[in-house]
Amino acid sequence: MNMDFFMVGPSLISLLSGIAILVWPKLLNYIVAFYLILFGLVGLVPLVLV
């Protein structure tokens, strides 16, 4: 994977999540859960690749 994804990924995910919450407030629980899972995976991948 490209290292730029690890720097831009969480920011892009949070931006898209924020927009989705504004448009569909009922999705807040799902969006937060997916965001936390994805952010955790993005944080762990560099540790696994070492």
N, C-alpha and C. Protein backbone atom coordinates (compact mmCIF):
# COMPACT_ATOMS: atom_id res chain seq x y z
N MET A 1 0.84 -1.19 0.00
CA MET A 1 0.00 0.00 0.00
C MET A 1 0.87 1.24 0.00
N ASN A 2 0.31 2.27 -0.55
CA ASN A 2 1.00 3.54 -0.60
C ASN A 2 0.95 4.21 0.77
N MET A 3 2.02 4.82 1.20
CA MET A 3 2.09 5.43 2.52
C MET A 3 1.20 6.66 2.61
N ASP A 4 0.88 7.30 1.47
CA ASP A 4 0.01 8.47 1.49
C ASP A 4 -1.38 8.12 2.01
N PHE A 5 -1.84 6.88 1.79
CA PHE A 5 -3.17 6.48 2.26
C PHE A 5 -3.25 6.55 3.77
N PHE A 6 -2.17 6.20 4.45
CA PHE A 6 -2.18 6.20 5.91
C PHE A 6 -2.26 7.60 6.48
N MET A 7 -1.86 8.59 5.70
CA MET A 7 -1.92 9.97 6.16
C MET A 7 -3.25 10.61 5.80
N VAL A 8 -3.80 10.28 4.64
CA VAL A 8 -5.03 10.89 4.16
C VAL A 8 -6.26 10.07 4.53
N GLY A 9 -6.11 8.79 4.70
CA GLY A 9 -7.23 7.89 4.95
C GLY A 9 -8.13 8.29 6.09
N PRO A 10 -7.61 8.46 7.30
CA PRO A 10 -8.48 8.83 8.43
C PRO A 10 -9.18 10.17 8.24
N SER A 11 -8.49 11.13 7.63
CA SER A 11 -9.10 12.43 7.40
C SER A 11 -10.25 12.33 6.39
N LEU A 12 -10.04 11.58 5.35
CA LEU A 12 -11.07 11.41 4.34
C LEU A 12 -12.27 10.65 4.90
N ILE A 13 -12.01 9.63 5.68
CA ILE A 13 -13.10 8.86 6.29
C ILE A 13 -13.90 9.73 7.24
N SER A 14 -13.23 10.55 8.04
CA SER A 14 -13.96 11.40 8.98
C SER A 14 -14.76 12.47 8.25
N LEU A 15 -14.23 13.01 7.16
CA LEU A 15 -14.97 14.00 6.37
C LEU A 15 -16.23 13.39 5.77
N LEU A 16 -16.10 12.23 5.17
CA LEU A 16 -17.26 11.57 4.57
C LEU A 16 -18.28 11.16 5.64
N SER A 17 -17.78 10.72 6.79
CA SER A 17 -18.68 10.36 7.88
C SER A 17 -19.46 11.56 8.38
N GLY A 18 -18.79 12.68 8.52
CA GLY A 18 -19.47 13.90 8.97
C GLY A 18 -20.56 14.35 8.01
N ILE A 19 -20.28 14.27 6.73
CA ILE A 19 -21.27 14.64 5.73
C ILE A 19 -22.45 13.68 5.77
N ALA A 20 -22.18 12.40 5.89
CA ALA A 20 -23.25 11.40 5.94
C ALA A 20 -24.12 11.60 7.18
N ILE A 21 -23.51 11.96 8.31
CA ILE A 21 -24.29 12.20 9.52
C ILE A 21 -25.20 13.40 9.35
N LEU A 22 -24.72 14.43 8.67
CA LEU A 22 -25.57 15.60 8.43
C LEU A 22 -26.76 15.25 7.54
N VAL A 23 -26.53 14.40 6.56
CA VAL A 23 -27.60 14.05 5.61
C VAL A 23 -28.55 13.02 6.21
N TRP A 24 -27.99 12.01 6.88
CA TRP A 24 -28.80 10.93 7.46
C TRP A 24 -28.47 10.77 8.94
N PRO A 25 -29.06 11.57 9.82
CA PRO A 25 -28.71 11.51 11.25
C PRO A 25 -28.95 10.15 11.90
N LYS A 26 -29.86 9.35 11.36
CA LYS A 26 -30.14 8.05 11.96
C LYS A 26 -28.98 7.07 11.76
N LEU A 27 -28.08 7.37 10.87
CA LEU A 27 -26.95 6.47 10.61
C LEU A 27 -25.77 6.73 11.55
N LEU A 28 -25.94 7.62 12.51
CA LEU A 28 -24.83 8.02 13.37
C LEU A 28 -24.15 6.83 14.04
N ASN A 29 -24.91 5.92 14.62
CA ASN A 29 -24.30 4.77 15.31
C ASN A 29 -23.48 3.90 14.36
N TYR A 30 -24.01 3.64 13.17
CA TYR A 30 -23.29 2.80 12.22
C TYR A 30 -22.03 3.49 11.70
N ILE A 31 -22.16 4.78 11.42
CA ILE A 31 -21.02 5.52 10.89
C ILE A 31 -19.89 5.57 11.93
N VAL A 32 -20.25 5.83 13.18
CA VAL A 32 -19.23 5.88 14.23
C VAL A 32 -18.58 4.52 14.39
N ALA A 33 -19.36 3.46 14.35
CA ALA A 33 -18.79 2.11 14.49
C ALA A 33 -17.85 1.79 13.34
N PHE A 34 -18.26 2.07 12.10
CA PHE A 34 -17.39 1.80 10.96
C PHE A 34 -16.15 2.67 10.99
N TYR A 35 -16.31 3.93 11.41
CA TYR A 35 -15.16 4.83 11.49
C TYR A 35 -14.14 4.30 12.49
N LEU A 36 -14.61 3.88 13.65
CA LEU A 36 -13.69 3.37 14.66
C LEU A 36 -12.99 2.10 14.20
N ILE A 37 -13.72 1.23 13.53
CA ILE A 37 -13.12 -0.01 13.02
C ILE A 37 -12.07 0.31 11.95
N LEU A 38 -12.42 1.17 11.01
CA LEU A 38 -11.48 1.51 9.93
C LEU A 38 -10.26 2.26 10.46
N PHE A 39 -10.48 3.20 11.37
CA PHE A 39 -9.37 3.96 11.94
C PHE A 39 -8.44 3.03 12.72
N GLY A 40 -9.01 2.08 13.42
CA GLY A 40 -8.20 1.10 14.14
C GLY A 40 -7.39 0.23 13.20
N LEU A 41 -8.00 -0.20 12.11
CA LEU A 41 -7.28 -1.03 11.13
C LEU A 41 -6.16 -0.25 10.46
N VAL A 42 -6.45 1.00 10.10
CA VAL A 42 -5.42 1.83 9.46
C VAL A 42 -4.26 2.05 10.43
N GLY A 43 -4.55 2.18 11.70
CA GLY A 43 -3.50 2.35 12.68
C GLY A 43 -2.69 1.09 12.93
N LEU A 44 -3.29 -0.06 12.77
CA LEU A 44 -2.61 -1.32 13.03
C LEU A 44 -1.83 -1.86 11.84
N VAL A 45 -2.21 -1.51 10.63
CA VAL A 45 -1.57 -2.07 9.44
C VAL A 45 -0.07 -1.79 9.41
N PRO A 46 0.40 -0.57 9.70
CA PRO A 46 1.87 -0.37 9.67
C PRO A 46 2.59 -1.24 10.71
N LEU A 47 1.94 -1.54 11.83
CA LEU A 47 2.58 -2.38 12.84
C LEU A 47 2.69 -3.82 12.36
N VAL A 48 1.71 -4.27 11.59
CA VAL A 48 1.69 -5.64 11.09
C VAL A 48 2.69 -5.81 9.96
N LEU A 49 2.88 -4.77 9.16
CA LEU A 49 3.77 -4.85 8.00
C LEU A 49 5.24 -4.78 8.37
N VAL A 50 5.57 -4.41 9.59
CA VAL A 50 6.98 -4.27 9.99
C VAL A 50 7.60 -5.60 10.23
